[in-house]
Amino acid sequence: MPMIYQPAPQFTTDSVINGGEVKKVSLSDYKGKYVVLFFYPLDFTFVCPTEITQFRDLNKEFTAAGAQVLGCSVDSVHSHKAWLKRDLGDLGYPLMSDLTHRISRDYGVLLEERGIATRGTFIIDPEQKIQYMALHNTDVGRDAREILRVLQGLQSGELCAAGWKKGDPGLKPKA
């Protein structure tokens, strides 16, 4: 199981970008920038598109914060392409295929008995160490705005209180 401050598990896999182009994506491609890696259970489901499109809608803010968003499920790139064409459109970030389940297993999000990943989210820093991780029940979607807030807090270099927002002062330790 990966842990905070530890190196993120490396991967190279096929992904779909720009609404249909298939391309290899590796974590090492993004060394030197933040990565927001999120896992979701399956294409063509009910909760997943609400998250995927929220990440799409906030992708400019993630990019402005120097972060690359990457989505991942156990579906094939062919399933991703069909879903993008039918329902989602261009996301502006890659959807990665984890047919072998290796990436999901390496990140500790694979629900072995179901053969799918749970909703896992990881923020990986420019040195490719995990700085944030959260796992969610498959029935409840996560909020990309909260993940953006956490990313901005990590980048602030401050101690950030609950509810902190970009521009708020950090906490000062008592002398």
N, C-alpha and C. Protein backbone atom coordinates (compact mmCIF):
# COMPACT_ATOMS: atom_id res chain seq x y z
N MET A 1 0.85 -1.19 0.00
CA MET A 1 0.00 0.00 0.00
C MET A 1 0.89 1.24 0.00
N PRO A 2 0.66 2.15 -0.92
CA PRO A 2 1.46 3.39 -0.93
C PRO A 2 1.13 4.23 0.30
N MET A 3 2.05 5.08 0.67
CA MET A 3 1.85 5.94 1.84
C MET A 3 2.32 7.37 1.54
N ILE A 4 1.81 8.30 2.32
CA ILE A 4 2.21 9.70 2.21
C ILE A 4 3.72 9.81 2.38
N TYR A 5 4.33 10.69 1.62
CA TYR A 5 5.76 10.98 1.59
C TYR A 5 6.60 9.90 0.91
N GLN A 6 5.98 8.78 0.51
CA GLN A 6 6.70 7.70 -0.15
C GLN A 6 6.64 7.88 -1.67
N PRO A 7 7.60 7.29 -2.40
CA PRO A 7 7.55 7.37 -3.86
C PRO A 7 6.26 6.77 -4.41
N ALA A 8 5.69 7.42 -5.39
CA ALA A 8 4.48 6.92 -6.03
C ALA A 8 4.85 5.73 -6.92
N PRO A 9 4.02 4.69 -6.93
CA PRO A 9 4.29 3.58 -7.83
C PRO A 9 4.31 4.04 -9.30
N GLN A 10 5.33 3.62 -10.01
CA GLN A 10 5.48 4.01 -11.41
C GLN A 10 4.58 3.16 -12.31
N PHE A 11 4.18 3.72 -13.44
CA PHE A 11 3.36 2.99 -14.39
C PHE A 11 3.58 3.54 -15.79
N THR A 12 3.29 2.71 -16.76
CA THR A 12 3.18 3.09 -18.16
C THR A 12 1.99 2.31 -18.70
N THR A 13 1.06 2.99 -19.34
CA THR A 13 -0.13 2.32 -19.83
C THR A 13 -0.74 3.09 -21.00
N ASP A 14 -1.62 2.43 -21.70
CA ASP A 14 -2.35 3.10 -22.78
C ASP A 14 -3.40 4.03 -22.18
N SER A 15 -3.62 5.13 -22.86
CA SER A 15 -4.63 6.09 -22.41
C SER A 15 -5.31 6.68 -23.64
N VAL A 16 -6.45 7.31 -23.38
CA VAL A 16 -7.16 8.03 -24.43
C VAL A 16 -7.09 9.51 -24.09
N ILE A 17 -6.65 10.30 -25.05
CA ILE A 17 -6.56 11.75 -24.86
C ILE A 17 -7.21 12.44 -26.06
N ASN A 18 -7.46 13.72 -25.90
CA ASN A 18 -8.01 14.53 -26.99
C ASN A 18 -9.25 13.91 -27.63
N GLY A 19 -10.07 13.28 -26.81
CA GLY A 19 -11.33 12.74 -27.30
C GLY A 19 -11.24 11.45 -28.09
N GLY A 20 -10.04 10.90 -28.29
CA GLY A 20 -9.98 9.65 -29.02
C GLY A 20 -8.61 9.14 -29.39
N GLU A 21 -7.56 9.94 -29.24
CA GLU A 21 -6.21 9.50 -29.58
C GLU A 21 -5.69 8.56 -28.49
N VAL A 22 -5.16 7.40 -28.88
CA VAL A 22 -4.58 6.45 -27.94
C VAL A 22 -3.08 6.73 -27.85
N LYS A 23 -2.61 6.85 -26.63
CA LYS A 23 -1.21 7.21 -26.40
C LYS A 23 -0.74 6.55 -25.10
N LYS A 24 0.53 6.15 -25.07
CA LYS A 24 1.14 5.65 -23.83
C LYS A 24 1.34 6.81 -22.88
N VAL A 25 1.03 6.59 -21.62
CA VAL A 25 1.24 7.58 -20.56
C VAL A 25 2.02 6.90 -19.45
N SER A 26 3.04 7.59 -18.97
CA SER A 26 3.84 7.12 -17.85
C SER A 26 3.84 8.18 -16.77
N LEU A 27 3.88 7.76 -15.52
CA LEU A 27 4.00 8.74 -14.45
C LEU A 27 5.26 9.56 -14.64
N SER A 28 6.33 8.92 -15.09
CA SER A 28 7.61 9.63 -15.27
C SER A 28 7.51 10.76 -16.31
N ASP A 29 6.49 10.74 -17.18
CA ASP A 29 6.29 11.82 -18.15
C ASP A 29 6.06 13.15 -17.44
N TYR A 30 5.59 13.09 -16.20
CA TYR A 30 5.18 14.29 -15.47
C TYR A 30 6.12 14.64 -14.33
N LYS A 31 7.31 14.06 -14.31
CA LYS A 31 8.29 14.41 -13.28
C LYS A 31 8.55 15.91 -13.37
N GLY A 32 8.55 16.58 -12.24
CA GLY A 32 8.76 18.02 -12.21
C GLY A 32 7.47 18.81 -12.10
N LYS A 33 6.32 18.13 -12.13
CA LYS A 33 5.04 18.81 -11.93
C LYS A 33 4.16 17.95 -11.04
N TYR A 34 3.15 18.55 -10.49
CA TYR A 34 2.18 17.82 -9.68
C TYR A 34 1.30 16.96 -10.58
N VAL A 35 0.87 15.82 -10.04
CA VAL A 35 -0.07 14.94 -10.73
C VAL A 35 -1.23 14.68 -9.78
N VAL A 36 -2.44 14.82 -10.29
CA VAL A 36 -3.64 14.41 -9.58
C VAL A 36 -4.14 13.16 -10.28
N LEU A 37 -3.94 12.01 -9.64
CA LEU A 37 -4.31 10.72 -10.20
C LEU A 37 -5.57 10.24 -9.49
N PHE A 38 -6.63 10.01 -10.27
CA PHE A 38 -7.84 9.49 -9.65
C PHE A 38 -8.28 8.21 -10.34
N PHE A 39 -8.72 7.26 -9.54
CA PHE A 39 -9.24 5.98 -10.01
C PHE A 39 -10.75 6.01 -9.86
N TYR A 40 -11.43 5.38 -10.80
CA TYR A 40 -12.88 5.24 -10.73
C TYR A 40 -13.24 3.82 -11.14
N PRO A 41 -14.41 3.31 -10.72
CA PRO A 41 -14.73 1.90 -10.94
C PRO A 41 -14.86 1.47 -12.40
N LEU A 42 -15.74 2.07 -13.17
CA LEU A 42 -16.00 1.60 -14.53
C LEU A 42 -16.58 2.68 -15.42
N ASP A 43 -16.35 2.55 -16.71
CA ASP A 43 -17.00 3.39 -17.71
C ASP A 43 -18.49 3.04 -17.76
N PHE A 44 -19.28 3.93 -18.31
CA PHE A 44 -20.71 3.73 -18.54
C PHE A 44 -21.48 3.43 -17.25
N THR A 45 -21.12 4.10 -16.17
CA THR A 45 -21.82 3.91 -14.90
C THR A 45 -22.49 5.23 -14.52
N PHE A 46 -23.01 5.30 -13.30
CA PHE A 46 -23.84 6.43 -12.91
C PHE A 46 -23.08 7.54 -12.18
N VAL A 47 -22.28 7.20 -11.20
CA VAL A 47 -21.57 8.20 -10.40
C VAL A 47 -20.30 8.68 -11.11
N CYS A 48 -19.61 7.77 -11.76
CA CYS A 48 -18.31 8.09 -12.38
C CYS A 48 -18.34 9.30 -13.31
N PRO A 49 -19.34 9.43 -14.20
CA PRO A 49 -19.29 10.59 -15.10
C PRO A 49 -19.44 11.92 -14.36
N THR A 50 -20.09 11.93 -13.20
CA THR A 50 -20.22 13.19 -12.46
C THR A 50 -18.85 13.66 -11.97
N GLU A 51 -18.00 12.72 -11.59
CA GLU A 51 -16.64 13.06 -11.14
C GLU A 51 -15.75 13.43 -12.32
N ILE A 52 -15.80 12.61 -13.35
CA ILE A 52 -14.94 12.80 -14.51
C ILE A 52 -15.20 14.15 -15.16
N THR A 53 -16.46 14.52 -15.28
CA THR A 53 -16.77 15.81 -15.89
C THR A 53 -16.48 16.97 -14.95
N GLN A 54 -16.55 16.75 -13.64
CA GLN A 54 -16.15 17.82 -12.71
C GLN A 54 -14.65 18.07 -12.81
N PHE A 55 -13.86 17.01 -12.93
CA PHE A 55 -12.42 17.21 -13.16
C PHE A 55 -12.20 17.94 -14.49
N ARG A 56 -12.98 17.60 -15.51
CA ARG A 56 -12.88 18.31 -16.80
C ARG A 56 -13.20 19.79 -16.62
N ASP A 57 -14.28 20.09 -15.89
CA ASP A 57 -14.70 21.48 -15.71
C ASP A 57 -13.69 22.29 -14.91
N LEU A 58 -12.90 21.63 -14.06
CA LEU A 58 -11.89 22.32 -13.26
C LEU A 58 -10.47 22.14 -13.81
N ASN A 59 -10.36 21.51 -14.98
CA ASN A 59 -9.03 21.20 -15.50
C ASN A 59 -8.17 22.44 -15.70
N LYS A 60 -8.76 23.56 -16.10
CA LYS A 60 -7.97 24.80 -16.27
C LYS A 60 -7.37 25.24 -14.94
N GLU A 61 -8.12 25.09 -13.86
CA GLU A 61 -7.60 25.46 -12.53
C GLU A 61 -6.49 24.52 -12.10
N PHE A 62 -6.65 23.21 -12.38
CA PHE A 62 -5.57 22.27 -12.05
C PHE A 62 -4.33 22.59 -12.88
N THR A 63 -4.51 22.89 -14.16
CA THR A 63 -3.38 23.24 -15.02
C THR A 63 -2.71 24.52 -14.54
N ALA A 64 -3.51 25.52 -14.16
CA ALA A 64 -2.96 26.78 -13.65
C ALA A 64 -2.16 26.55 -12.37
N ALA A 65 -2.52 25.51 -11.62
CA ALA A 65 -1.80 25.17 -10.39
C ALA A 65 -0.59 24.28 -10.68
N GLY A 66 -0.29 24.07 -11.96
CA GLY A 66 0.89 23.27 -12.33
C GLY A 66 0.68 21.78 -12.16
N ALA A 67 -0.57 21.32 -12.25
CA ALA A 67 -0.87 19.90 -12.05
C ALA A 67 -1.46 19.27 -13.30
N GLN A 68 -1.14 18.03 -13.50
CA GLN A 68 -1.71 17.21 -14.58
C GLN A 68 -2.72 16.26 -13.96
N VAL A 69 -3.95 16.28 -14.44
CA VAL A 69 -4.97 15.33 -14.01
C VAL A 69 -4.87 14.07 -14.87
N LEU A 70 -4.96 12.90 -14.22
CA LEU A 70 -4.98 11.61 -14.90
C LEU A 70 -6.11 10.78 -14.30
N GLY A 71 -7.02 10.28 -15.13
CA GLY A 71 -8.06 9.38 -14.68
C GLY A 71 -7.70 7.96 -15.05
N CYS A 72 -8.16 6.97 -14.24
CA CYS A 72 -7.79 5.58 -14.49
C CYS A 72 -8.90 4.64 -14.06
N SER A 73 -9.20 3.65 -14.91
CA SER A 73 -10.10 2.56 -14.54
C SER A 73 -9.59 1.28 -15.17
N VAL A 74 -10.24 0.17 -14.84
CA VAL A 74 -9.82 -1.13 -15.38
C VAL A 74 -10.37 -1.38 -16.78
N ASP A 75 -11.06 -0.41 -17.34
CA ASP A 75 -11.62 -0.55 -18.69
C ASP A 75 -10.53 -0.42 -19.76
N SER A 76 -10.85 -0.89 -20.96
CA SER A 76 -9.93 -0.79 -22.09
C SER A 76 -9.98 0.61 -22.69
N VAL A 77 -8.98 0.94 -23.49
CA VAL A 77 -9.02 2.22 -24.20
C VAL A 77 -10.19 2.25 -25.18
N HIS A 78 -10.61 1.09 -25.67
CA HIS A 78 -11.75 1.04 -26.59
C HIS A 78 -13.04 1.43 -25.87
N SER A 79 -13.19 0.96 -24.65
CA SER A 79 -14.35 1.35 -23.84
C SER A 79 -14.29 2.85 -23.54
N HIS A 80 -13.11 3.34 -23.16
CA HIS A 80 -12.95 4.78 -22.90
C HIS A 80 -13.35 5.60 -24.13
N LYS A 81 -12.85 5.20 -25.30
CA LYS A 81 -13.14 5.95 -26.53
C LYS A 81 -14.65 5.98 -26.81
N ALA A 82 -15.29 4.85 -26.66
CA ALA A 82 -16.73 4.78 -26.92
C ALA A 82 -17.51 5.66 -25.94
N TRP A 83 -17.12 5.64 -24.68
CA TRP A 83 -17.80 6.44 -23.65
C TRP A 83 -17.58 7.93 -23.89
N LEU A 84 -16.34 8.30 -24.22
CA LEU A 84 -16.06 9.70 -24.52
C LEU A 84 -16.88 10.17 -25.71
N LYS A 85 -16.94 9.34 -26.75
CA LYS A 85 -17.69 9.71 -27.95
C LYS A 85 -19.19 9.82 -27.66
N ARG A 86 -19.73 8.86 -26.92
CA ARG A 86 -21.17 8.81 -26.68
C ARG A 86 -21.66 9.83 -25.65
N ASP A 87 -20.87 10.01 -24.56
CA ASP A 87 -21.40 10.76 -23.42
C ASP A 87 -20.55 11.93 -22.92
N LEU A 88 -19.25 11.79 -22.91
CA LEU A 88 -18.41 12.74 -22.17
C LEU A 88 -17.73 13.81 -23.00
N GLY A 89 -17.38 13.52 -24.23
CA GLY A 89 -16.63 14.46 -25.04
C GLY A 89 -15.18 14.52 -24.61
N ASP A 90 -14.45 15.49 -25.12
CA ASP A 90 -13.03 15.66 -24.79
C ASP A 90 -12.90 16.16 -23.37
N LEU A 91 -12.06 15.51 -22.58
CA LEU A 91 -11.88 15.89 -21.18
C LEU A 91 -10.75 16.87 -20.96
N GLY A 92 -9.76 16.87 -21.85
CA GLY A 92 -8.60 17.73 -21.65
C GLY A 92 -7.52 17.07 -20.81
N TYR A 93 -7.74 15.84 -20.39
CA TYR A 93 -6.75 15.06 -19.65
C TYR A 93 -6.91 13.59 -20.06
N PRO A 94 -5.86 12.78 -19.86
CA PRO A 94 -5.92 11.37 -20.27
C PRO A 94 -6.81 10.51 -19.37
N LEU A 95 -7.49 9.55 -19.99
CA LEU A 95 -8.14 8.45 -19.27
C LEU A 95 -7.29 7.21 -19.53
N MET A 96 -6.72 6.66 -18.47
CA MET A 96 -5.79 5.55 -18.60
C MET A 96 -6.52 4.21 -18.45
N SER A 97 -6.01 3.22 -19.15
CA SER A 97 -6.53 1.86 -19.08
C SER A 97 -5.65 1.02 -18.17
N ASP A 98 -6.30 0.29 -17.27
CA ASP A 98 -5.58 -0.61 -16.35
C ASP A 98 -6.16 -2.02 -16.48
N LEU A 99 -6.12 -2.56 -17.69
CA LEU A 99 -6.68 -3.89 -17.95
C LEU A 99 -6.04 -4.98 -17.10
N THR A 100 -4.76 -4.86 -16.81
CA THR A 100 -4.07 -5.89 -16.02
C THR A 100 -4.32 -5.73 -14.52
N HIS A 101 -4.89 -4.61 -14.12
CA HIS A 101 -5.15 -4.28 -12.70
C HIS A 101 -3.87 -3.98 -11.91
N ARG A 102 -2.74 -3.93 -12.58
CA ARG A 102 -1.47 -3.69 -11.89
C ARG A 102 -1.41 -2.31 -11.24
N ILE A 103 -1.85 -1.29 -11.97
CA ILE A 103 -1.78 0.07 -11.42
C ILE A 103 -2.71 0.18 -10.21
N SER A 104 -3.93 -0.30 -10.36
CA SER A 104 -4.89 -0.26 -9.25
C SER A 104 -4.36 -1.03 -8.04
N ARG A 105 -3.76 -2.18 -8.29
CA ARG A 105 -3.20 -2.99 -7.19
C ARG A 105 -2.02 -2.26 -6.55
N ASP A 106 -1.13 -1.69 -7.37
CA ASP A 106 0.04 -0.99 -6.83
C ASP A 106 -0.35 0.21 -5.98
N TYR A 107 -1.46 0.86 -6.31
CA TYR A 107 -1.92 2.02 -5.54
C TYR A 107 -2.87 1.64 -4.41
N GLY A 108 -3.15 0.35 -4.26
CA GLY A 108 -3.97 -0.12 -3.15
C GLY A 108 -5.45 0.18 -3.27
N VAL A 109 -5.95 0.36 -4.50
CA VAL A 109 -7.35 0.71 -4.69
C VAL A 109 -8.16 -0.42 -5.34
N LEU A 110 -7.52 -1.53 -5.70
CA LEU A 110 -8.23 -2.60 -6.38
C LEU A 110 -9.11 -3.37 -5.40
N LEU A 111 -10.37 -3.49 -5.74
CA LEU A 111 -11.30 -4.34 -5.00
C LEU A 111 -11.25 -5.71 -5.69
N GLU A 112 -10.36 -6.55 -5.22
CA GLU A 112 -10.05 -7.83 -5.89
C GLU A 112 -11.30 -8.65 -6.19
N GLU A 113 -12.19 -8.77 -5.22
CA GLU A 113 -13.36 -9.64 -5.39
C GLU A 113 -14.33 -9.12 -6.46
N ARG A 114 -14.27 -7.81 -6.74
CA ARG A 114 -15.15 -7.21 -7.75
C ARG A 114 -14.42 -6.93 -9.06
N GLY A 115 -13.09 -6.98 -9.04
CA GLY A 115 -12.31 -6.74 -10.25
C GLY A 115 -12.32 -5.30 -10.73
N ILE A 116 -12.59 -4.36 -9.82
CA ILE A 116 -12.62 -2.93 -10.16
C ILE A 116 -11.86 -2.15 -9.10
N ALA A 117 -11.57 -0.91 -9.43
CA ALA A 117 -10.94 -0.02 -8.46
C ALA A 117 -12.02 0.73 -7.70
N THR A 118 -11.75 1.01 -6.44
CA THR A 118 -12.61 1.93 -5.72
C THR A 118 -12.21 3.34 -6.11
N ARG A 119 -12.92 4.32 -5.61
CA ARG A 119 -12.60 5.72 -5.92
C ARG A 119 -11.40 6.14 -5.08
N GLY A 120 -10.24 6.12 -5.68
CA GLY A 120 -9.01 6.52 -5.01
C GLY A 120 -8.45 7.78 -5.66
N THR A 121 -7.92 8.67 -4.84
CA THR A 121 -7.35 9.93 -5.34
C THR A 121 -5.98 10.12 -4.72
N PHE A 122 -5.01 10.50 -5.55
CA PHE A 122 -3.64 10.71 -5.10
C PHE A 122 -3.12 12.02 -5.67
N ILE A 123 -2.47 12.81 -4.84
CA ILE A 123 -1.73 13.98 -5.32
C ILE A 123 -0.26 13.62 -5.17
N ILE A 124 0.43 13.68 -6.29
CA ILE A 124 1.84 13.30 -6.38
C ILE A 124 2.63 14.56 -6.67
N ASP A 125 3.67 14.80 -5.90
CA ASP A 125 4.43 16.05 -6.04
C ASP A 125 5.43 15.96 -7.19
N PRO A 126 6.12 17.07 -7.51
CA PRO A 126 7.06 17.07 -8.64
C PRO A 126 8.21 16.07 -8.50
N GLU A 127 8.52 15.64 -7.28
CA GLU A 127 9.56 14.63 -7.08
C GLU A 127 8.98 13.22 -7.12
N GLN A 128 7.68 13.14 -7.44
CA GLN A 128 6.93 11.89 -7.58
C GLN A 128 6.75 11.14 -6.26
N LYS A 129 6.54 11.92 -5.21
CA LYS A 129 6.17 11.36 -3.90
C LYS A 129 4.71 11.68 -3.63
N ILE A 130 4.04 10.75 -2.98
CA ILE A 130 2.63 10.92 -2.66
C ILE A 130 2.49 11.92 -1.51
N GLN A 131 1.70 12.95 -1.73
CA GLN A 131 1.46 13.97 -0.70
C GLN A 131 0.02 13.95 -0.18
N TYR A 132 -0.86 13.25 -0.88
CA TYR A 132 -2.27 13.15 -0.47
C TYR A 132 -2.83 11.88 -1.05
N MET A 133 -3.67 11.21 -0.26
CA MET A 133 -4.38 10.04 -0.77
C MET A 133 -5.69 9.91 -0.02
N ALA A 134 -6.72 9.52 -0.76
CA ALA A 134 -8.04 9.31 -0.16
C ALA A 134 -8.75 8.20 -0.93
N LEU A 135 -9.46 7.37 -0.19
CA LEU A 135 -10.26 6.29 -0.78
C LEU A 135 -11.71 6.54 -0.43
N HIS A 136 -12.57 6.32 -1.41
CA HIS A 136 -14.00 6.54 -1.23
C HIS A 136 -14.77 5.28 -1.61
N ASN A 137 -15.91 5.10 -0.98
CA ASN A 137 -16.85 4.06 -1.33
C ASN A 137 -17.27 4.25 -2.78
N THR A 138 -17.51 3.15 -3.50
CA THR A 138 -17.88 3.27 -4.91
C THR A 138 -19.23 3.95 -5.12
N ASP A 139 -20.06 3.99 -4.09
CA ASP A 139 -21.39 4.59 -4.23
C ASP A 139 -21.42 6.10 -4.05
N VAL A 140 -20.32 6.69 -3.58
CA VAL A 140 -20.31 8.12 -3.27
C VAL A 140 -19.19 8.80 -4.05
N GLY A 141 -19.57 9.78 -4.85
CA GLY A 141 -18.59 10.51 -5.64
C GLY A 141 -17.76 11.47 -4.80
N ARG A 142 -16.54 11.69 -5.24
CA ARG A 142 -15.68 12.67 -4.57
C ARG A 142 -15.85 14.02 -5.25
N ASP A 143 -15.35 15.07 -4.61
CA ASP A 143 -15.51 16.43 -5.10
C ASP A 143 -14.16 16.96 -5.59
N ALA A 144 -14.05 17.20 -6.89
CA ALA A 144 -12.80 17.69 -7.46
C ALA A 144 -12.41 19.05 -6.91
N ARG A 145 -13.40 19.85 -6.48
CA ARG A 145 -13.08 21.16 -5.89
C ARG A 145 -12.28 20.98 -4.60
N GLU A 146 -12.62 19.98 -3.80
CA GLU A 146 -11.88 19.71 -2.57
C GLU A 146 -10.46 19.25 -2.89
N ILE A 147 -10.30 18.46 -3.92
CA ILE A 147 -8.96 18.00 -4.30
C ILE A 147 -8.12 19.17 -4.80
N LEU A 148 -8.72 20.09 -5.53
CA LEU A 148 -8.02 21.30 -5.96
C LEU A 148 -7.62 22.13 -4.75
N ARG A 149 -8.51 22.25 -3.77
CA ARG A 149 -8.20 23.00 -2.54
C ARG A 149 -7.01 22.37 -1.81
N VAL A 150 -7.00 21.04 -1.70
CA VAL A 150 -5.89 20.36 -1.03
C VAL A 150 -4.60 20.57 -1.81
N LEU A 151 -4.64 20.46 -3.13
CA LEU A 151 -3.46 20.72 -3.96
C LEU A 151 -2.92 22.12 -3.70
N GLN A 152 -3.79 23.11 -3.71
CA GLN A 152 -3.35 24.49 -3.47
C GLN A 152 -2.79 24.65 -2.06
N GLY A 153 -3.37 23.96 -1.09
CA GLY A 153 -2.84 24.00 0.27
C GLY A 153 -1.45 23.40 0.34
N LEU A 154 -1.26 22.26 -0.31
CA LEU A 154 0.06 21.64 -0.34
C LEU A 154 1.09 22.56 -0.99
N GLN A 155 0.68 23.25 -2.03
CA GLN A 155 1.60 24.13 -2.75
C GLN A 155 1.88 25.43 -1.99
N SER A 156 1.05 25.77 -1.02
CA SER A 156 1.20 27.04 -0.31
C SER A 156 2.42 27.05 0.61
N GLY A 157 2.86 25.88 1.04
CA GLY A 157 3.97 25.82 1.98
C GLY A 157 3.57 26.23 3.39
N GLU A 158 2.30 26.44 3.62
CA GLU A 158 1.77 26.87 4.91
C GLU A 158 1.10 25.70 5.62
N LEU A 159 0.85 25.90 6.91
CA LEU A 159 -0.03 25.00 7.64
C LEU A 159 -1.44 25.49 7.35
N CYS A 160 -2.29 24.62 6.82
CA CYS A 160 -3.61 25.04 6.36
C CYS A 160 -4.70 24.44 7.23
N ALA A 161 -5.53 25.30 7.76
CA ALA A 161 -6.64 24.88 8.61
C ALA A 161 -7.72 24.19 7.78
N ALA A 162 -8.60 23.48 8.44
CA ALA A 162 -9.79 22.94 7.78
C ALA A 162 -10.54 24.11 7.15
N GLY A 163 -10.99 23.94 5.93
CA GLY A 163 -11.72 25.00 5.25
C GLY A 163 -10.84 26.06 4.62
N TRP A 164 -9.52 25.94 4.76
CA TRP A 164 -8.59 26.90 4.15
C TRP A 164 -8.88 26.98 2.66
N LYS A 165 -8.76 28.20 2.12
CA LYS A 165 -8.89 28.43 0.68
C LYS A 165 -7.68 29.22 0.20
N LYS A 166 -7.37 29.08 -1.07
CA LYS A 166 -6.25 29.82 -1.65
C LYS A 166 -6.43 31.30 -1.35
N GLY A 167 -5.38 31.91 -0.85
CA GLY A 167 -5.42 33.32 -0.47
C GLY A 167 -5.59 33.53 1.03
N ASP A 168 -6.10 32.51 1.73
CA ASP A 168 -6.22 32.61 3.19
C ASP A 168 -4.83 32.52 3.81
N PRO A 169 -4.63 33.16 4.96
CA PRO A 169 -3.34 33.02 5.64
C PRO A 169 -3.20 31.61 6.22
N GLY A 170 -1.97 31.18 6.31
CA GLY A 170 -1.70 29.89 6.94
C GLY A 170 -1.70 30.04 8.45
N LEU A 171 -1.69 28.91 9.13
CA LEU A 171 -1.64 28.91 10.59
C LEU A 171 -0.21 29.15 11.04
N LYS A 172 -0.06 29.84 12.13
CA LYS A 172 1.27 30.09 12.69
C LYS A 172 1.39 29.29 13.97
N PRO A 173 2.44 28.47 14.09
CA PRO A 173 2.65 27.73 15.35
C PRO A 173 2.88 28.71 16.50
N LYS A 174 2.37 28.35 17.67
CA LYS A 174 2.57 29.19 18.85
C LYS A 174 4.03 29.11 19.27
N ALA A 175 4.56 30.25 19.68
CA ALA A 175 5.98 30.31 20.07
C ALA A 175 6.22 29.68 21.40
